[in-house]
């Protein structure tokens, strides 16, 4: 499909084939995948979608101004459901595989794939445990073997349970009265928030301490390392 200000697509929100109108101010060219990312809005239900376009090397202005001159082709479109963003600076997360899994968990959540989000959040924890040489044959034992605080361990166990709920139809979660809770959206959101808090405690505090002014004794300790 070639670029146009209006597109005829099957809406992933209302499951109807209808017209989408471009949201011009949202057009960006991604430095990572080299594609043009453009949001559209459904004229039937007002649901938002993100589109990715392949084009010969050009700026957003050239892309829009000459819709046939740069071989613009629609690669993919998907619903925009949420806009959850981590509070922690992801660049502080040391291991690239952990960072990648956490980022994928966020993307899954923001696109409405809540089971997948919980699974990737759980995977990010296990990657973190393996990278830290945690001991144990399962994730519970690995979390327990770490030197982190009891409160942070409790957070990670909750994320593990949410991941189990996303992976196994027979793994249920209950409120304090023993009533089963079925809320994938909330479970996935809590997974991200708990994991975000863990990373903030593990990496953000270290970064703040390392960048803070040092005493003479601390300077000597750094020099002697």
Foldseek 3Di string as FASTA:
>chain_A
DFDDQKDFDQDPVPRHGAIWGWPLVVWDQDPPPRWIWTKIAGPPPRWIKIWTWDWADDGSVVCVVPRPPTPIDTDDMATFAADDDFPDDLVLPDDPVLSVLLVVLVVCLRRPNLLSSLQSLLVSQVVVLVVVVFDDDDSLNSLVRDPDDPVLSVLSVLSNLLNCVSVDVPRFDADPVRHTDDDSSVSSVSSSVSSSVSCCVVGVVVVVVVPDDDDPVVVVVVVVD
